[in-house]
C-alpha atoms as a PDB file:
ATOM      1  CA  MET A   1      28.954  27.373-150.519  1.00  0.00           C
ATOM      2  CA  ALA A   2      25.695  27.046-148.604  1.00  0.00           C
ATOM      3  CA  SER A   3      25.818  23.244-148.688  1.00  0.00           C
ATOM      4  CA  GLU A   4      29.412  23.348-147.397  1.00  0.00           C
ATOM      5  CA  LYS A   5      28.318  25.470-144.425  1.00  0.00           C
ATOM      6  CA  ASP A   6      25.356  23.165-143.871  1.00  0.00           C
ATOM      7  CA  ALA A   7      27.683  20.144-143.894  1.00  0.00           C
ATOM      8  CA  GLN A   8      30.046  21.860-141.459  1.00  0.00           C
ATOM      9  CA  THR A   9      27.155  22.827-139.189  1.00  0.00           C
ATOM     10  CA  ILE A  10      25.859  19.259-139.290  1.00  0.00           C
ATOM     11  CA  ALA A  11      29.362  17.960-138.606  1.00  0.00           C
ATOM     12  CA  ARG A  12      29.745  20.274-135.586  1.00  0.00           C
ATOM     13  CA  GLU A  13      26.328  19.269-134.243  1.00  0.00           C
ATOM     14  CA  ASN A  14      27.070  15.585-134.759  1.00  0.00           C
ATOM     15  CA  ALA A  15      30.491  16.026-133.168  1.00  0.00           C
ATOM     16  CA  ALA A  16      28.960  17.637-130.096  1.00  0.00           C
ATOM     17  CA  LYS A  17      26.332  14.902-129.893  1.00  0.00           C
ATOM     18  CA  GLY A  18      29.011  12.242-130.360  1.00  0.00           C
ATOM     19  CA  ARG A  19      31.144  13.697-127.572  1.00  0.00           C
ATOM     20  CA  ASN A  20      28.150  13.876-125.249  1.00  0.00           C
ATOM     21  CA  VAL A  21      27.127  10.298-126.017  1.00  0.00           C
ATOM     22  CA  ALA A  22      30.699   9.042-125.587  1.00  0.00           C
ATOM     23  CA  GLU A  23      31.136  10.868-122.271  1.00  0.00           C
ATOM     24  CA  ASP A  24      27.769   9.643-120.997  1.00  0.00           C
ATOM     25  CA  THR A  25      28.476   6.067-122.102  1.00  0.00           C
ATOM     26  CA  THR A  26      31.912   6.063-120.477  1.00  0.00           C
ATOM     27  CA  ARG A  27      30.500   7.454-117.247  1.00  0.00           C
ATOM     28  CA  ARG A  28      27.695   4.877-117.182  1.00  0.00           C
ATOM     29  CA  MET A  29      30.127   2.051-117.923  1.00  0.00           C
ATOM     30  CA  ALA A  30      32.370   3.171-115.069  1.00  0.00           C
ATOM     31  CA  GLU A  31      29.416   3.327-112.670  1.00  0.00           C
ATOM     32  CA  THR A  32      28.139  -0.067-113.801  1.00  0.00           C
ATOM     33  CA  ALA A  33      31.591  -1.624-113.470  1.00  0.00           C
ATOM     34  CA  ALA A  34      32.010  -0.298-109.936  1.00  0.00           C
ATOM     35  CA  GLU A  35      28.521  -1.420-108.903  1.00  0.00           C
ATOM     36  CA  THR A  36      28.951  -4.868-110.461  1.00  0.00           C
ATOM     37  CA  THR A  37      32.319  -5.406-108.823  1.00  0.00           C
ATOM     38  CA  GLN A  38      30.966  -4.377-105.425  1.00  0.00           C
ATOM     39  CA  ARG A  39      27.875  -6.593-105.786  1.00  0.00           C
ATOM     40  CA  GLY A  40      30.088  -9.493-106.821  1.00  0.00           C
ATOM     41  CA  ALA A  41      32.343  -9.029-103.814  1.00  0.00           C
ATOM     42  CA  ASP A  42      29.360  -8.755-101.465  1.00  0.00           C
ATOM     43  CA  THR A  43      27.749 -11.849-102.964  1.00  0.00           C
ATOM     44  CA  ALA A  44      30.979 -13.850-102.739  1.00  0.00           C
ATOM     45  CA  ASN A  45      31.376 -12.917 -99.073  1.00  0.00           C
ATOM     46  CA  ASP A  46      27.755 -13.852 -98.326  1.00  0.00           C
ATOM     47  CA  VAL A  47      28.037 -17.163-100.166  1.00  0.00           C
ATOM     48  CA  MET A  48      31.297 -18.099 -98.462  1.00  0.00           C
ATOM     49  CA  GLY A  49      29.884 -17.284 -95.028  1.00  0.00           C
ATOM     50  CA  LYS A  50      26.784 -19.350 -95.628  1.00  0.00           C
ATOM     51  CA  ALA A  51      28.787 -22.187 -97.173  1.00  0.00           C
ATOM     52  CA  THR A  52      31.029 -22.331 -94.112  1.00  0.00           C
ATOM     53  CA  GLN A  53      28.043 -22.360 -91.793  1.00  0.00           C
ATOM     54  CA  ILE A  54      26.234 -25.048 -93.788  1.00  0.00           C
ATOM     55  CA  ALA A  55      29.378 -27.180 -94.085  1.00  0.00           C
ATOM     56  CA  GLY A  56      29.867 -27.068 -90.326  1.00  0.00           C
ATOM     57  CA  GLN A  57      26.265 -28.001 -89.620  1.00  0.00           C
ATOM     58  CA  THR A  58      26.270 -30.738 -92.228  1.00  0.00           C
ATOM     59  CA  SER A  59      29.514 -32.176 -90.916  1.00  0.00           C
ATOM     60  CA  GLU A  60      28.162 -32.269 -87.360  1.00  0.00           C
ATOM     61  CA  GLN A  61      24.910 -33.926 -88.454  1.00  0.00           C
ATOM     62  CA  PHE A  62      26.786 -36.443 -90.595  1.00  0.00           C
ATOM     63  CA  ASN A  63      29.122 -37.330 -87.745  1.00  0.00           C
ATOM     64  CA  ARG A  64      26.232 -37.872 -85.336  1.00  0.00           C
ATOM     65  CA  MET A  65      24.254 -39.886 -87.863  1.00  0.00           C
ATOM     66  CA  MET A  66      27.179 -42.104 -88.798  1.00  0.00           C
ATOM     67  CA  GLY A  67      28.438 -42.492 -85.245  1.00  0.00           C
ATOM     68  CA  LEU A  68      31.975 -41.701 -86.361  1.00  0.00           C
ATOM     69  CA  SER A  69      34.889 -41.960 -83.995  1.00  0.00           C
ATOM     70  CA  ALA A  70      36.597 -38.803 -82.800  1.00  0.00           C
ATOM     71  CA  GLU A  71      39.451 -39.478 -85.222  1.00  0.00           C
ATOM     72  CA  ALA A  72      37.091 -39.951 -88.164  1.00  0.00           C
ATOM     73  CA  GLN A  73      35.163 -36.846 -87.153  1.00  0.00           C
ATOM     74  CA  GLY A  74      38.437 -34.909 -87.207  1.00  0.00           C
ATOM     75  CA  GLU A  75      39.197 -36.165 -90.716  1.00  0.00           C
ATOM     76  CA  VAL A  76      35.720 -35.254 -91.950  1.00  0.00           C
ATOM     77  CA  ALA A  77      36.032 -31.813 -90.364  1.00  0.00           C
ATOM     78  CA  GLN A  78      39.474 -31.335 -91.942  1.00  0.00           C
ATOM     79  CA  GLN A  79      38.158 -32.290 -95.381  1.00  0.00           C
ATOM     80  CA  ALA A  80      35.211 -29.928 -94.943  1.00  0.00           C
ATOM     81  CA  ARG A  81      37.611 -27.103 -94.034  1.00  0.00           C
ATOM     82  CA  GLU A  82      39.782 -27.886 -97.052  1.00  0.00           C
ATOM     83  CA  ASN A  83      36.712 -27.904 -99.299  1.00  0.00           C
ATOM     84  CA  ILE A  84      35.639 -24.521 -97.964  1.00  0.00           C
ATOM     85  CA  ASP A  85      39.176 -23.217 -98.471  1.00  0.00           C
ATOM     86  CA  VAL A  86      39.179 -24.384-102.087  1.00  0.00           C
ATOM     87  CA  MET A  87      35.774 -22.793-102.652  1.00  0.00           C
ATOM     88  CA  ALA A  88      37.118 -19.536-101.210  1.00  0.00           C
ATOM     89  CA  GLN A  89      40.158 -19.767-103.492  1.00  0.00           C
ATOM     90  CA  CYS A  90      37.910 -20.381-106.503  1.00  0.00           C
ATOM     91  CA  GLY A  91      35.748 -17.420-105.515  1.00  0.00           C
ATOM     92  CA  SER A  92      38.855 -15.295-105.217  1.00  0.00           C
ATOM     93  CA  VAL A  93      40.086 -16.419-108.649  1.00  0.00           C
ATOM     94  CA  LEU A  94      36.693 -15.616-110.166  1.00  0.00           C
ATOM     95  CA  MET A  95      36.544 -12.180-108.508  1.00  0.00           C
ATOM     96  CA  GLU A  96      40.065 -11.318-109.685  1.00  0.00           C
ATOM     97  CA  GLY A  97      39.129 -12.432-113.184  1.00  0.00           C
ATOM     98  CA  MET A  98      35.962 -10.358-113.082  1.00  0.00           C
ATOM     99  CA  GLN A  99      37.916  -7.307-111.956  1.00  0.00           C
ATOM    100  CA  SER A 100      40.430  -7.801-114.781  1.00  0.00           C
ATOM    101  CA  ILE A 101      37.599  -8.060-117.259  1.00  0.00           C
ATOM    102  CA  MET A 102      35.956  -4.912-115.901  1.00  0.00           C
ATOM    103  CA  ARG A 103      39.301  -3.076-116.166  1.00  0.00           C
ATOM    104  CA  GLU A 104      39.568  -4.261-119.769  1.00  0.00           C
ATOM    105  CA  TRP A 105      36.095  -2.908-120.583  1.00  0.00           C
ATOM    106  CA  MET A 106      36.955   0.379-118.878  1.00  0.00           C
ATOM    107  CA  GLY A 107      40.094   0.585-121.003  1.00  0.00           C
ATOM    108  CA  PHE A 108      37.923  -0.058-124.034  1.00  0.00           C
ATOM    109  CA  ALA A 109      35.553   2.758-123.037  1.00  0.00           C
ATOM    110  CA  GLN A 110      38.435   5.187-122.584  1.00  0.00           C
ATOM    111  CA  GLU A 111      40.072   4.233-125.867  1.00  0.00           C
ATOM    112  CA  ALA A 112      36.728   4.356-127.686  1.00  0.00           C
ATOM    113  CA  MET A 113      36.084   7.829-126.322  1.00  0.00           C
ATOM    114  CA  ALA A 114      39.510   9.047-127.464  1.00  0.00           C
ATOM    115  CA  ARG A 115      38.916   7.558-130.903  1.00  0.00           C
ATOM    116  CA  ASN A 116      35.460   9.136-131.053  1.00  0.00           C
ATOM    117  CA  VAL A 117      36.951  12.557-130.313  1.00  0.00           C
ATOM    118  CA  GLU A 118      39.545  12.031-133.054  1.00  0.00           C
ATOM    119  CA  GLY A 119      36.819  10.877-135.448  1.00  0.00           C
ATOM    120  CA  VAL A 120      34.577  13.814-134.648  1.00  0.00           C
ATOM    121  CA  ASN A 121      37.492  16.201-135.161  1.00  0.00           C
ATOM    122  CA  ALA A 122      38.170  14.573-138.532  1.00  0.00           C
ATOM    123  CA  MET A 123      34.521  15.039-139.478  1.00  0.00           C
ATOM    124  CA  MET A 124      34.646  18.688-138.417  1.00  0.00           C
ATOM    125  CA  ARG A 125      37.680  19.258-140.649  1.00  0.00           C
ATOM    126  CA  SER A 126      35.777  17.890-143.638  1.00  0.00           C
ATOM    127  CA  ARG A 127      35.661  20.180-146.625  1.00  0.00           C
ATOM    128  CA  SER A 128      32.903  18.336-148.427  1.00  0.00           C
ATOM    129  CA  VAL A 129      30.044  15.971-147.746  1.00  0.00           C
ATOM    130  CA  GLN A 130      32.112  13.142-149.223  1.00  0.00           C
ATOM    131  CA  ASP A 131      34.983  13.906-146.810  1.00  0.00           C
ATOM    132  CA  PHE A 132      32.511  13.995-143.950  1.00  0.00           C
ATOM    133  CA  TYR A 133      31.044  10.588-144.789  1.00  0.00           C
ATOM    134  CA  ALA A 134      34.525   9.117-145.361  1.00  0.00           C
ATOM    135  CA  ALA A 135      35.613  10.336-141.899  1.00  0.00           C
ATOM    136  CA  GLN A 136      32.415   9.002-140.363  1.00  0.00           C
ATOM    137  CA  SER A 137      32.842   5.605-142.057  1.00  0.00           C
ATOM    138  CA  SER A 138      36.445   5.407-140.885  1.00  0.00           C
ATOM    139  CA  MET A 139      35.375   6.201-137.335  1.00  0.00           C
ATOM    140  CA  VAL A 140      32.697   3.482-137.351  1.00  0.00           C
ATOM    141  CA  LYS A 141      35.129   0.926-138.826  1.00  0.00           C
ATOM    142  CA  ASP A 142      37.756   1.735-136.180  1.00  0.00           C
ATOM    143  CA  GLU A 143      35.181   1.442-133.380  1.00  0.00           C
ATOM    144  CA  VAL A 144      33.959  -1.948-134.580  1.00  0.00           C
ATOM    145  CA  GLU A 145      37.547  -3.233-134.905  1.00  0.00           C
ATOM    146  CA  LEU A 146      38.334  -2.002-131.389  1.00  0.00           C
ATOM    147  CA  LEU A 147      35.187  -3.610-129.966  1.00  0.00           C
ATOM    148  CA  LEU A 148      35.910  -6.935-131.650  1.00  0.00           C
ATOM    149  CA  SER A 149      39.551  -7.022-130.559  1.00  0.00           C
ATOM    150  CA  ARG A 150      38.632  -6.197-126.952  1.00  0.00           C
ATOM    151  CA  SER A 151      35.830  -8.776-127.031  1.00  0.00           C
ATOM    152  CA  VAL A 152      38.325 -11.450-128.062  1.00  0.00           C
ATOM    153  CA  LYS A 153      40.654 -10.416-125.240  1.00  0.00           C
ATOM    154  CA  VAL A 154      37.798 -10.498-122.697  1.00  0.00           C
ATOM    155  CA  SER A 155      36.752 -13.943-123.932  1.00  0.00           C
ATOM    156  CA  GLU A 156      40.314 -15.202-123.482  1.00  0.00           C
ATOM    157  CA  MET A 157      40.458 -13.706-119.987  1.00  0.00           C
ATOM    158  CA  SER A 158      37.129 -15.342-119.104  1.00  0.00           C
ATOM    159  CA  ALA A 159      38.314 -18.741-120.301  1.00  0.00           C
ATOM    160  CA  LYS A 160      41.596 -18.414-118.372  1.00  0.00           C
ATOM    161  CA  THR A 161      39.741 -17.446-115.196  1.00  0.00           C
ATOM    162  CA  ALA A 162      37.344 -20.377-115.502  1.00  0.00           C
ATOM    163  CA  ASN A 163      40.214 -22.785-116.217  1.00  0.00           C
ATOM    164  CA  ASP A 164      42.138 -21.545-113.165  1.00  0.00           C
ATOM    165  CA  ALA A 165      39.093 -22.093-110.931  1.00  0.00           C
ATOM    166  CA  VAL A 166      38.474 -25.573-112.382  1.00  0.00           C
ATOM    167  CA  ARG A 167      42.150 -26.491-111.899  1.00  0.00           C
ATOM    168  CA  ARG A 168      41.897 -25.633-108.200  1.00  0.00           C
ATOM    169  CA  LEU A 169      38.714 -27.670-107.811  1.00  0.00           C
ATOM    170  CA  ASN A 170      40.239 -30.631-109.622  1.00  0.00           C
ATOM    171  CA  ALA A 171      43.390 -30.485-107.515  1.00  0.00           C
ATOM    172  CA  ARG A 172      41.256 -30.589-104.360  1.00  0.00           C
ATOM    173  CA  ALA A 173      39.151 -33.477-105.683  1.00  0.00           C
ATOM    174  CA  GLU A 174      42.286 -35.454-106.582  1.00  0.00           C
ATOM    175  CA  GLY A 175      43.793 -34.746-103.172  1.00  0.00           C
ATOM    176  CA  ALA A 176      40.609 -35.897-101.422  1.00  0.00           C
ATOM    177  CA  ALA A 177      40.538 -39.077-103.551  1.00  0.00           C
ATOM    178  CA  ARG A 178      44.176 -39.883-102.655  1.00  0.00           C
ATOM    179  CA  GLN A 179      43.475 -39.254 -98.986  1.00  0.00           C
ATOM    180  CA  THR A 180      40.404 -41.497 -99.106  1.00  0.00           C
ATOM    181  CA  ARG A 181      42.390 -44.307-100.760  1.00  0.00           C
ATOM    182  CA  ARG A 182      45.111 -44.041 -98.107  1.00  0.00           C
ATOM    183  CA  SER A 183      42.546 -44.092 -95.286  1.00  0.00           C
ATOM    184  CA  ALA A 184      40.760 -47.127 -96.682  1.00  0.00           C
END
């Protein structure tokens, strides 16, 4: 009888600790996701602004150095603008992908927390030490399965995002090559 009460007391204490850890982890993940997304957006904006400025300066210097005609200068400027546009599109694709991935991890955190609460409740209902450890083992197994399945999904999302960005870059490179061949 005493060991049953001790097991129940331990289960309640562990359940409370588990809930606190799960809540704290979910809160920290949400804060980190929001901060990371904002930093990414700020960085992308800074990079695009600087890239535009540098492209303009480089184009002007190149035109002066090469003594290009007004028509050729216009073509170079147009290509530089198109390159910047493609870079902006790629940045946008990457940011959208990053946001989707962060949403996926937030969904994981919420689902993990719900499963932890269910697992802790199962441990608290345990009638014996064996039941307690069986409930705990089941909870750990479910958490690992959830983490692995979400990790696979995030990996697939990352690959899709990278492929989309590369496709846009390749399309621009092919378009520039065709335009160069026609001009030559």
